C-alpha atoms as a PDB file:
ATOM      1  CA  UNK A   1      -4.201 -12.856 -12.629  1.00  0.00           C
ATOM      2  CA  UNK A   2      -2.403 -14.557 -15.580  1.00  0.00           C
ATOM      3  CA  UNK A   3      -1.754 -12.640 -18.632  1.00  0.00           C
ATOM      4  CA  UNK A   4      -3.868 -14.777 -20.896  1.00  0.00           C
ATOM      5  CA  UNK A   5      -6.706 -14.423 -18.470  1.00  0.00           C
ATOM      6  CA  UNK A   6      -6.353 -10.876 -18.135  1.00  0.00           C
ATOM      7  CA  UNK A   7      -6.661 -10.479 -21.960  1.00  0.00           C
ATOM      8  CA  UNK A   8      -9.434 -12.744 -22.222  1.00  0.00           C
ATOM      9  CA  UNK A   9     -11.436 -10.696 -19.758  1.00  0.00           C
ATOM     10  CA  UNK A  10     -10.918  -7.630 -21.613  1.00  0.00           C
ATOM     11  CA  UNK A  11     -12.478  -7.403 -25.049  1.00  0.00           C
ATOM     12  CA  UNK A  12     -10.475  -4.410 -25.915  1.00  0.00           C
ATOM     13  CA  UNK A  13      -7.342  -6.516 -25.705  1.00  0.00           C
ATOM     14  CA  UNK A  14      -8.921  -9.680 -27.224  1.00  0.00           C
ATOM     15  CA  UNK A  15      -9.257  -9.413 -30.765  1.00  0.00           C
ATOM     16  CA  UNK A  16     -11.285 -12.661 -30.956  1.00  0.00           C
ATOM     17  CA  UNK A  17     -13.721 -11.680 -28.184  1.00  0.00           C
ATOM     18  CA  UNK A  18     -16.051  -9.986 -30.760  1.00  0.00           C
ATOM     19  CA  UNK A  19     -16.135  -8.942 -34.401  1.00  0.00           C
ATOM     20  CA  UNK A  20     -19.145  -6.513 -33.883  1.00  0.00           C
ATOM     21  CA  UNK A  21     -18.689  -2.711 -33.579  1.00  0.00           C
ATOM     22  CA  UNK A  22     -18.388  -1.764 -29.786  1.00  0.00           C
ATOM     23  CA  UNK A  23     -21.632  -0.303 -28.408  1.00  0.00           C
ATOM     24  CA  UNK A  24     -21.098   2.796 -26.275  1.00  0.00           C
ATOM     25  CA  UNK A  25     -22.259   2.477 -22.508  1.00  0.00           C
ATOM     26  CA  UNK A  26     -25.076   4.661 -21.645  1.00  0.00           C
ATOM     27  CA  UNK A  27     -24.251   7.420 -19.091  1.00  0.00           C
ATOM     28  CA  UNK A  28     -26.485   6.016 -16.327  1.00  0.00           C
ATOM     29  CA  UNK A  29     -24.843   2.591 -16.645  1.00  0.00           C
ATOM     30  CA  UNK A  30     -21.309   4.095 -16.566  1.00  0.00           C
ATOM     31  CA  UNK A  31     -22.294   6.188 -13.372  1.00  0.00           C
ATOM     32  CA  UNK A  32     -23.509   2.687 -11.756  1.00  0.00           C
ATOM     33  CA  UNK A  33     -20.209   1.074 -12.502  1.00  0.00           C
ATOM     34  CA  UNK A  34     -18.122   3.757 -11.175  1.00  0.00           C
ATOM     35  CA  UNK A  35     -20.283   4.229  -7.939  1.00  0.00           C
ATOM     36  CA  UNK A  36     -18.463   1.545  -5.706  1.00  0.00           C
ATOM     37  CA  UNK A  37     -15.077   3.295  -6.355  1.00  0.00           C
ATOM     38  CA  UNK A  38     -16.578   6.872  -5.658  1.00  0.00           C
ATOM     39  CA  UNK A  39     -17.837   5.354  -2.352  1.00  0.00           C
ATOM     40  CA  UNK A  40     -14.513   4.024  -1.464  1.00  0.00           C
ATOM     41  CA  UNK A  41     -12.747   7.115  -2.335  1.00  0.00           C
ATOM     42  CA  UNK A  42     -15.163   9.127  -0.228  1.00  0.00           C
ATOM     43  CA  UNK A  43     -14.854   6.629   2.567  1.00  0.00           C
ATOM     44  CA  UNK A  44     -10.996   6.920   2.675  1.00  0.00           C
ATOM     45  CA  UNK A  45     -11.046  10.594   2.645  1.00  0.00           C
ATOM     46  CA  UNK A  46     -13.591  10.712   5.497  1.00  0.00           C
ATOM     47  CA  UNK A  47     -11.868   7.872   7.600  1.00  0.00           C
ATOM     48  CA  UNK A  48      -8.214   9.838   7.358  1.00  0.00           C
ATOM     49  CA  UNK A  49      -9.788  12.950   7.988  1.00  0.00           C
ATOM     50  CA  UNK A  50     -11.962  11.747  11.080  1.00  0.00           C
ATOM     51  CA  UNK A  51     -11.057   8.413  11.987  1.00  0.00           C
ATOM     52  CA  UNK A  52     -13.250   5.282  11.898  1.00  0.00           C
ATOM     53  CA  UNK A  53     -15.351   5.800  14.919  1.00  0.00           C
ATOM     54  CA  UNK A  54     -16.257   9.393  13.907  1.00  0.00           C
ATOM     55  CA  UNK A  55     -17.222   8.731  10.552  1.00  0.00           C
ATOM     56  CA  UNK A  56     -20.809   8.279   9.784  1.00  0.00           C
ATOM     57  CA  UNK A  57     -22.163   6.157   6.921  1.00  0.00           C
ATOM     58  CA  UNK A  58     -24.409   9.135   5.918  1.00  0.00           C
ATOM     59  CA  UNK A  59     -21.507  11.439   5.568  1.00  0.00           C
ATOM     60  CA  UNK A  60     -19.824   9.003   3.074  1.00  0.00           C
ATOM     61  CA  UNK A  61     -22.795   8.787   0.945  1.00  0.00           C
ATOM     62  CA  UNK A  62     -23.109  12.353   0.833  1.00  0.00           C
ATOM     63  CA  UNK A  63     -19.596  13.004  -0.226  1.00  0.00           C
ATOM     64  CA  UNK A  64     -19.901  10.335  -2.827  1.00  0.00           C
ATOM     65  CA  UNK A  65     -23.255  12.129  -4.040  1.00  0.00           C
ATOM     66  CA  UNK A  66     -25.594   9.293  -3.305  1.00  0.00           C
ATOM     67  CA  UNK A  67     -28.077   8.129  -0.799  1.00  0.00           C
ATOM     68  CA  UNK A  68     -27.426   6.177   2.503  1.00  0.00           C
ATOM     69  CA  UNK A  69     -29.535   3.308   0.990  1.00  0.00           C
ATOM     70  CA  UNK A  70     -27.443   3.253  -1.952  1.00  0.00           C
ATOM     71  CA  UNK A  71     -24.307   3.098  -0.048  1.00  0.00           C
ATOM     72  CA  UNK A  72     -25.702   0.088   1.980  1.00  0.00           C
ATOM     73  CA  UNK A  73     -26.672  -1.656  -1.197  1.00  0.00           C
ATOM     74  CA  UNK A  74     -22.917  -1.823  -2.009  1.00  0.00           C
ATOM     75  CA  UNK A  75     -21.583  -1.925   1.486  1.00  0.00           C
ATOM     76  CA  UNK A  76     -24.112  -3.066   4.297  1.00  0.00           C
ATOM     77  CA  UNK A  77     -22.174  -1.714   7.198  1.00  0.00           C
ATOM     78  CA  UNK A  78     -19.505   0.747   8.096  1.00  0.00           C
ATOM     79  CA  UNK A  79     -17.270  -2.168   8.988  1.00  0.00           C
ATOM     80  CA  UNK A  80     -17.569  -3.706   5.558  1.00  0.00           C
ATOM     81  CA  UNK A  81     -16.771  -0.309   3.820  1.00  0.00           C
ATOM     82  CA  UNK A  82     -13.731   0.024   5.811  1.00  0.00           C
ATOM     83  CA  UNK A  83     -12.760  -3.624   4.895  1.00  0.00           C
ATOM     84  CA  UNK A  84     -13.364  -2.696   1.275  1.00  0.00           C
ATOM     85  CA  UNK A  85     -11.225   0.409   1.353  1.00  0.00           C
ATOM     86  CA  UNK A  86      -8.250  -1.673   2.846  1.00  0.00           C
ATOM     87  CA  UNK A  87      -8.806  -4.598   0.247  1.00  0.00           C
ATOM     88  CA  UNK A  88      -8.864  -2.078  -2.689  1.00  0.00           C
ATOM     89  CA  UNK A  89      -5.855  -0.208  -1.519  1.00  0.00           C
ATOM     90  CA  UNK A  90      -3.438  -1.411   0.843  1.00  0.00           C
ATOM     91  CA  UNK A  91      -4.061  -5.182   0.019  1.00  0.00           C
ATOM     92  CA  UNK A  92      -3.408  -4.376  -3.653  1.00  0.00           C
ATOM     93  CA  UNK A  93      -0.150  -2.962  -2.947  1.00  0.00           C
ATOM     94  CA  UNK A  94       0.954  -5.761  -0.913  1.00  0.00           C
ATOM     95  CA  UNK A  95      -0.061  -8.023  -3.774  1.00  0.00           C
ATOM     96  CA  UNK A  96       1.959  -6.043  -6.293  1.00  0.00           C
ATOM     97  CA  UNK A  97       4.927  -6.343  -3.826  1.00  0.00           C
ATOM     98  CA  UNK A  98       4.538  -9.947  -3.588  1.00  0.00           C
ATOM     99  CA  UNK A  99       4.651 -10.292  -7.412  1.00  0.00           C
ATOM    100  CA  UNK A 100       7.766  -8.096  -7.726  1.00  0.00           C
ATOM    101  CA  UNK A 101       9.461 -10.346  -5.073  1.00  0.00           C
ATOM    102  CA  UNK A 102       8.334 -13.594  -6.791  1.00  0.00           C
ATOM    103  CA  UNK A 103       9.214 -12.460 -10.308  1.00  0.00           C
ATOM    104  CA  UNK A 104      12.591 -10.429  -9.580  1.00  0.00           C
ATOM    105  CA  UNK A 105      15.635 -12.016 -11.131  1.00  0.00           C
ATOM    106  CA  UNK A 106      18.195  -9.391 -10.235  1.00  0.00           C
ATOM    107  CA  UNK A 107      20.006  -8.448  -6.973  1.00  0.00           C
ATOM    108  CA  UNK A 108      18.183  -8.811  -3.632  1.00  0.00           C
ATOM    109  CA  UNK A 109      19.538  -5.312  -2.714  1.00  0.00           C
ATOM    110  CA  UNK A 110      17.892  -3.668  -5.799  1.00  0.00           C
ATOM    111  CA  UNK A 111      14.706  -5.625  -5.014  1.00  0.00           C
ATOM    112  CA  UNK A 112      14.641  -4.388  -1.554  1.00  0.00           C
ATOM    113  CA  UNK A 113      15.019  -0.607  -2.468  1.00  0.00           C
ATOM    114  CA  UNK A 114      12.316  -1.146  -5.120  1.00  0.00           C
ATOM    115  CA  UNK A 115       9.788  -2.645  -2.723  1.00  0.00           C
ATOM    116  CA  UNK A 116      10.444  -0.287   0.010  1.00  0.00           C
ATOM    117  CA  UNK A 117      10.715   2.779  -2.429  1.00  0.00           C
ATOM    118  CA  UNK A 118       7.158   1.730  -3.993  1.00  0.00           C
ATOM    119  CA  UNK A 119       5.709   1.592  -0.317  1.00  0.00           C
ATOM    120  CA  UNK A 120       7.064   5.093   0.398  1.00  0.00           C
ATOM    121  CA  UNK A 121       5.401   6.421  -2.669  1.00  0.00           C
ATOM    122  CA  UNK A 122       2.276   4.609  -3.006  1.00  0.00           C
ATOM    123  CA  UNK A 123       1.392   4.282   0.848  1.00  0.00           C
ATOM    124  CA  UNK A 124       3.766   6.317   2.974  1.00  0.00           C
ATOM    125  CA  UNK A 125       3.181   9.905   1.179  1.00  0.00           C
ATOM    126  CA  UNK A 126      -0.353   9.467   0.645  1.00  0.00           C
ATOM    127  CA  UNK A 127      -3.766   9.044   2.215  1.00  0.00           C
ATOM    128  CA  UNK A 128      -3.342   5.533   2.511  1.00  0.00           C
ATOM    129  CA  UNK A 129      -0.810   5.959   5.230  1.00  0.00           C
ATOM    130  CA  UNK A 130      -3.970   7.184   7.199  1.00  0.00           C
ATOM    131  CA  UNK A 131      -5.178   3.757   7.441  1.00  0.00           C
ATOM    132  CA  UNK A 132      -2.095   2.791   9.376  1.00  0.00           C
ATOM    133  CA  UNK A 133      -2.741   5.568  11.932  1.00  0.00           C
ATOM    134  CA  UNK A 134      -6.453   4.838  12.296  1.00  0.00           C
ATOM    135  CA  UNK A 135      -5.751   1.026  13.152  1.00  0.00           C
ATOM    136  CA  UNK A 136      -3.006   1.977  15.722  1.00  0.00           C
ATOM    137  CA  UNK A 137      -5.419   4.536  17.446  1.00  0.00           C
ATOM    138  CA  UNK A 138      -8.510   2.530  17.323  1.00  0.00           C
ATOM    139  CA  UNK A 139      -7.654  -1.031  17.098  1.00  0.00           C
ATOM    140  CA  UNK A 140      -8.613  -1.468  20.917  1.00  0.00           C
ATOM    141  CA  UNK A 141     -12.131  -0.346  20.328  1.00  0.00           C
ATOM    142  CA  UNK A 142     -12.539  -2.499  17.249  1.00  0.00           C
ATOM    143  CA  UNK A 143     -11.005  -5.795  17.883  1.00  0.00           C
ATOM    144  CA  UNK A 144     -12.626  -7.511  14.728  1.00  0.00           C
ATOM    145  CA  UNK A 145     -11.556  -4.845  12.487  1.00  0.00           C
ATOM    146  CA  UNK A 146      -7.972  -5.199  14.174  1.00  0.00           C
ATOM    147  CA  UNK A 147      -7.833  -8.836  13.372  1.00  0.00           C
ATOM    148  CA  UNK A 148      -8.941  -8.169   9.897  1.00  0.00           C
ATOM    149  CA  UNK A 149      -6.179  -5.692   9.428  1.00  0.00           C
ATOM    150  CA  UNK A 150      -3.675  -8.072  10.841  1.00  0.00           C
ATOM    151  CA  UNK A 151      -4.747 -10.669   8.316  1.00  0.00           C
ATOM    152  CA  UNK A 152      -5.082  -8.477   5.245  1.00  0.00           C
ATOM    153  CA  UNK A 153      -2.185  -6.107   5.820  1.00  0.00           C
ATOM    154  CA  UNK A 154       0.302  -6.936   8.771  1.00  0.00           C
ATOM    155  CA  UNK A 155       0.822 -10.512   8.177  1.00  0.00           C
ATOM    156  CA  UNK A 156       1.071 -10.265   4.409  1.00  0.00           C
ATOM    157  CA  UNK A 157       3.573  -7.609   4.491  1.00  0.00           C
ATOM    158  CA  UNK A 158       5.684  -9.577   6.809  1.00  0.00           C
ATOM    159  CA  UNK A 159       5.542 -12.633   4.273  1.00  0.00           C
ATOM    160  CA  UNK A 160       6.585 -10.524   1.453  1.00  0.00           C
ATOM    161  CA  UNK A 161       9.609  -9.036   3.131  1.00  0.00           C
ATOM    162  CA  UNK A 162      10.406 -12.217   4.775  1.00  0.00           C
ATOM    163  CA  UNK A 163      10.477 -13.782   1.411  1.00  0.00           C
ATOM    164  CA  UNK A 164      12.623 -10.939  -0.061  1.00  0.00           C
ATOM    165  CA  UNK A 165      15.277 -11.529   2.912  1.00  0.00           C
ATOM    166  CA  UNK A 166      15.096 -15.249   2.705  1.00  0.00           C
ATOM    167  CA  UNK A 167      15.540 -14.798  -1.190  1.00  0.00           C
ATOM    168  CA  UNK A 168      18.810 -12.890  -0.571  1.00  0.00           C
ATOM    169  CA  UNK A 169      20.032 -15.251   2.227  1.00  0.00           C
ATOM    170  CA  UNK A 170      19.500 -18.273  -0.086  1.00  0.00           C
ATOM    171  CA  UNK A 171      21.446 -16.659  -2.866  1.00  0.00           C
ATOM    172  CA  UNK A 172      24.415 -15.832  -0.658  1.00  0.00           C
ATOM    173  CA  UNK A 173      23.906 -12.237  -1.166  1.00  0.00           C
ATOM    174  CA  UNK A 174      22.646 -11.580   2.402  1.00  0.00           C
ATOM    175  CA  UNK A 175      24.065 -12.861   5.701  1.00  0.00           C
ATOM    176  CA  UNK A 176      21.929 -15.378   7.852  1.00  0.00           C
ATOM    177  CA  UNK A 177      20.357 -12.792   9.679  1.00  0.00           C
ATOM    178  CA  UNK A 178      17.108 -13.555  11.797  1.00  0.00           C
ATOM    179  CA  UNK A 179      14.411 -12.818   9.367  1.00  0.00           C
ATOM    180  CA  UNK A 180      11.499 -11.989  11.398  1.00  0.00           C
ATOM    181  CA  UNK A 181      13.558  -9.527  13.428  1.00  0.00           C
ATOM    182  CA  UNK A 182      14.949  -8.011  10.504  1.00  0.00           C
ATOM    183  CA  UNK A 183      11.543  -7.511   8.911  1.00  0.00           C
ATOM    184  CA  UNK A 184      10.608  -5.498  11.982  1.00  0.00           C
ATOM    185  CA  UNK A 185      13.744  -3.406  11.595  1.00  0.00           C
ATOM    186  CA  UNK A 186      12.736  -2.576   8.166  1.00  0.00           C
ATOM    187  CA  UNK A 187       9.200  -1.707   8.797  1.00  0.00           C
ATOM    188  CA  UNK A 188      10.058   0.583  11.871  1.00  0.00           C
ATOM    189  CA  UNK A 189      11.148   3.635  10.285  1.00  0.00           C
ATOM    190  CA  UNK A 190       8.719   3.405   7.456  1.00  0.00           C
ATOM    191  CA  UNK A 191       5.791   3.130  10.019  1.00  0.00           C
ATOM    192  CA  UNK A 192       7.298   6.092  12.141  1.00  0.00           C
ATOM    193  CA  UNK A 193       7.586   8.330   8.815  1.00  0.00           C
ATOM    194  CA  UNK A 194       3.761   7.514   8.101  1.00  0.00           C
ATOM    195  CA  UNK A 195       2.664   8.332  11.606  1.00  0.00           C
ATOM    196  CA  UNK A 196       4.863  11.602  11.754  1.00  0.00           C
ATOM    197  CA  UNK A 197       3.154  12.692   8.453  1.00  0.00           C
ATOM    198  CA  UNK A 198      -0.293  11.939   9.528  1.00  0.00           C
ATOM    199  CA  UNK A 199      -0.091  13.252  13.078  1.00  0.00           C
ATOM    200  CA  UNK A 200       2.107  16.479  12.360  1.00  0.00           C
ATOM    201  CA  UNK A 201       1.943  17.121   8.678  1.00  0.00           C
ATOM    202  CA  UNK A 202      -1.428  18.953   8.436  1.00  0.00           C
ATOM    203  CA  UNK A 203      -0.341  21.457  11.005  1.00  0.00           C
ATOM    204  CA  UNK A 204       2.165  24.266  10.855  1.00  0.00           C
ATOM    205  CA  UNK A 205       4.408  23.219  13.692  1.00  0.00           C
ATOM    206  CA  UNK A 206       7.772  24.260  14.646  1.00  0.00           C
ATOM    207  CA  UNK A 207      10.181  21.321  15.099  1.00  0.00           C
ATOM    208  CA  UNK A 208      12.334  18.900  13.239  1.00  0.00           C
ATOM    209  CA  UNK A 209      11.179  18.075   9.738  1.00  0.00           C
ATOM    210  CA  UNK A 210      11.455  14.824   7.963  1.00  0.00           C
ATOM    211  CA  UNK A 211      12.552  14.087   4.336  1.00  0.00           C
ATOM    212  CA  UNK A 212      11.056  10.844   3.704  1.00  0.00           C
ATOM    213  CA  UNK A 213      13.162   9.862   0.540  1.00  0.00           C
ATOM    214  CA  UNK A 214      16.398  10.834   2.108  1.00  0.00           C
ATOM    215  CA  UNK A 215      15.481   9.169   5.412  1.00  0.00           C
ATOM    216  CA  UNK A 216      14.690   5.972   3.539  1.00  0.00           C
ATOM    217  CA  UNK A 217      17.984   6.103   1.573  1.00  0.00           C
ATOM    218  CA  UNK A 218      20.099   6.298   4.704  1.00  0.00           C
ATOM    219  CA  UNK A 219      18.012   3.532   6.318  1.00  0.00           C
ATOM    220  CA  UNK A 220      18.561   1.093   3.228  1.00  0.00           C
ATOM    221  CA  UNK A 221      22.247   2.071   3.391  1.00  0.00           C
ATOM    222  CA  UNK A 222      22.676   1.197   6.976  1.00  0.00           C
ATOM    223  CA  UNK A 223      20.609  -2.099   6.697  1.00  0.00           C
ATOM    224  CA  UNK A 224      22.324  -3.232   3.517  1.00  0.00           C
ATOM    225  CA  UNK A 225      25.756  -2.729   5.045  1.00  0.00           C
ATOM    226  CA  UNK A 226      24.672  -4.958   7.755  1.00  0.00           C
ATOM    227  CA  UNK A 227      23.003  -7.535   5.402  1.00  0.00           C
ATOM    228  CA  UNK A 228      25.311  -7.820   2.590  1.00  0.00           C
ATOM    229  CA  UNK A 229      28.304 -10.372   2.902  1.00  0.00           C
ATOM    230  CA  UNK A 230      31.602  -8.442   3.072  1.00  0.00           C
ATOM    231  CA  UNK A 231      32.898 -10.259  -0.035  1.00  0.00           C
ATOM    232  CA  UNK A 232      29.707  -9.267  -1.847  1.00  0.00           C
ATOM    233  CA  UNK A 233      29.889  -5.706  -1.282  1.00  0.00           C
ATOM    234  CA  UNK A 234      30.519  -3.517  -4.095  1.00  0.00           C
ATOM    235  CA  UNK A 235      29.874   0.393  -4.688  1.00  0.00           C
ATOM    236  CA  UNK A 236      26.818  -0.170  -6.714  1.00  0.00           C
ATOM    237  CA  UNK A 237      25.193  -2.455  -4.363  1.00  0.00           C
ATOM    238  CA  UNK A 238      25.852   0.052  -1.212  1.00  0.00           C
ATOM    239  CA  UNK A 239      24.882   3.265  -2.958  1.00  0.00           C
ATOM    240  CA  UNK A 240      21.205   3.860  -2.098  1.00  0.00           C
ATOM    241  CA  UNK A 241      19.497   6.063  -4.636  1.00  0.00           C
ATOM    242  CA  UNK A 242      16.667   8.134  -3.177  1.00  0.00           C
ATOM    243  CA  UNK A 243      13.606   7.003  -4.449  1.00  0.00           C
ATOM    244  CA  UNK A 244      11.985   9.165  -6.982  1.00  0.00           C
ATOM    245  CA  UNK A 245       8.742  10.866  -5.562  1.00  0.00           C
ATOM    246  CA  UNK A 246       6.343  12.201  -8.376  1.00  0.00           C
ATOM    247  CA  UNK A 247       4.114  15.192  -7.789  1.00  0.00           C
ATOM    248  CA  UNK A 248       1.399  12.831  -7.230  1.00  0.00           C
ATOM    249  CA  UNK A 249       3.081  10.769  -4.589  1.00  0.00           C
ATOM    250  CA  UNK A 250       4.366  13.866  -2.834  1.00  0.00           C
ATOM    251  CA  UNK A 251       0.885  15.346  -2.155  1.00  0.00           C
END
């Protein structure tokens, strides 16, 4: 959304939108406006806990504190509810990453660190990573949802990372590596960490532990040493700072 369109759409940011005193929204109206997001939050939590197949619509409605009929008023099927969860979570993060790539004016190495660090924080370390696990586990039983996930998440993610790599190549910062294959090299460790956290994280198991920020830092260090032209290597471009994780991201 363009900045002027965003401002025009929000009266609090648009001084010319109204000269009248603001009118408080009645509590019932505020509750109604918040209900779709409450349903999506409840659905995400249950999908991650139980998987798509095992989650029942009435359980989502109960957790959100509404009737099953109210749920269907907003989302007419469990499939549509799942799609809305994906569109309002993962798809938004992908769009944000695409904007970062399109607007970035600095080095491609810094851009790569930022995009991958944001994904680790926003997806890899939270409940959203559970959606990745669900699709890998249940795609065979729900081919229509699998194609939806391919169209809304996997393909756009590949496009964003591919555009980032091509940017670095075109600017002479990266070597002319095979882009599609390199995108898969980028995604592999991130996906591994997400699945490890979702599968083993909830349990107190004895075994190797994973420090995701440290793993990502090492991964990007190794990758950038292979990507960058030797003549373009500097200490700053090859020093991978550990992506900061806030308390909210670390839950």
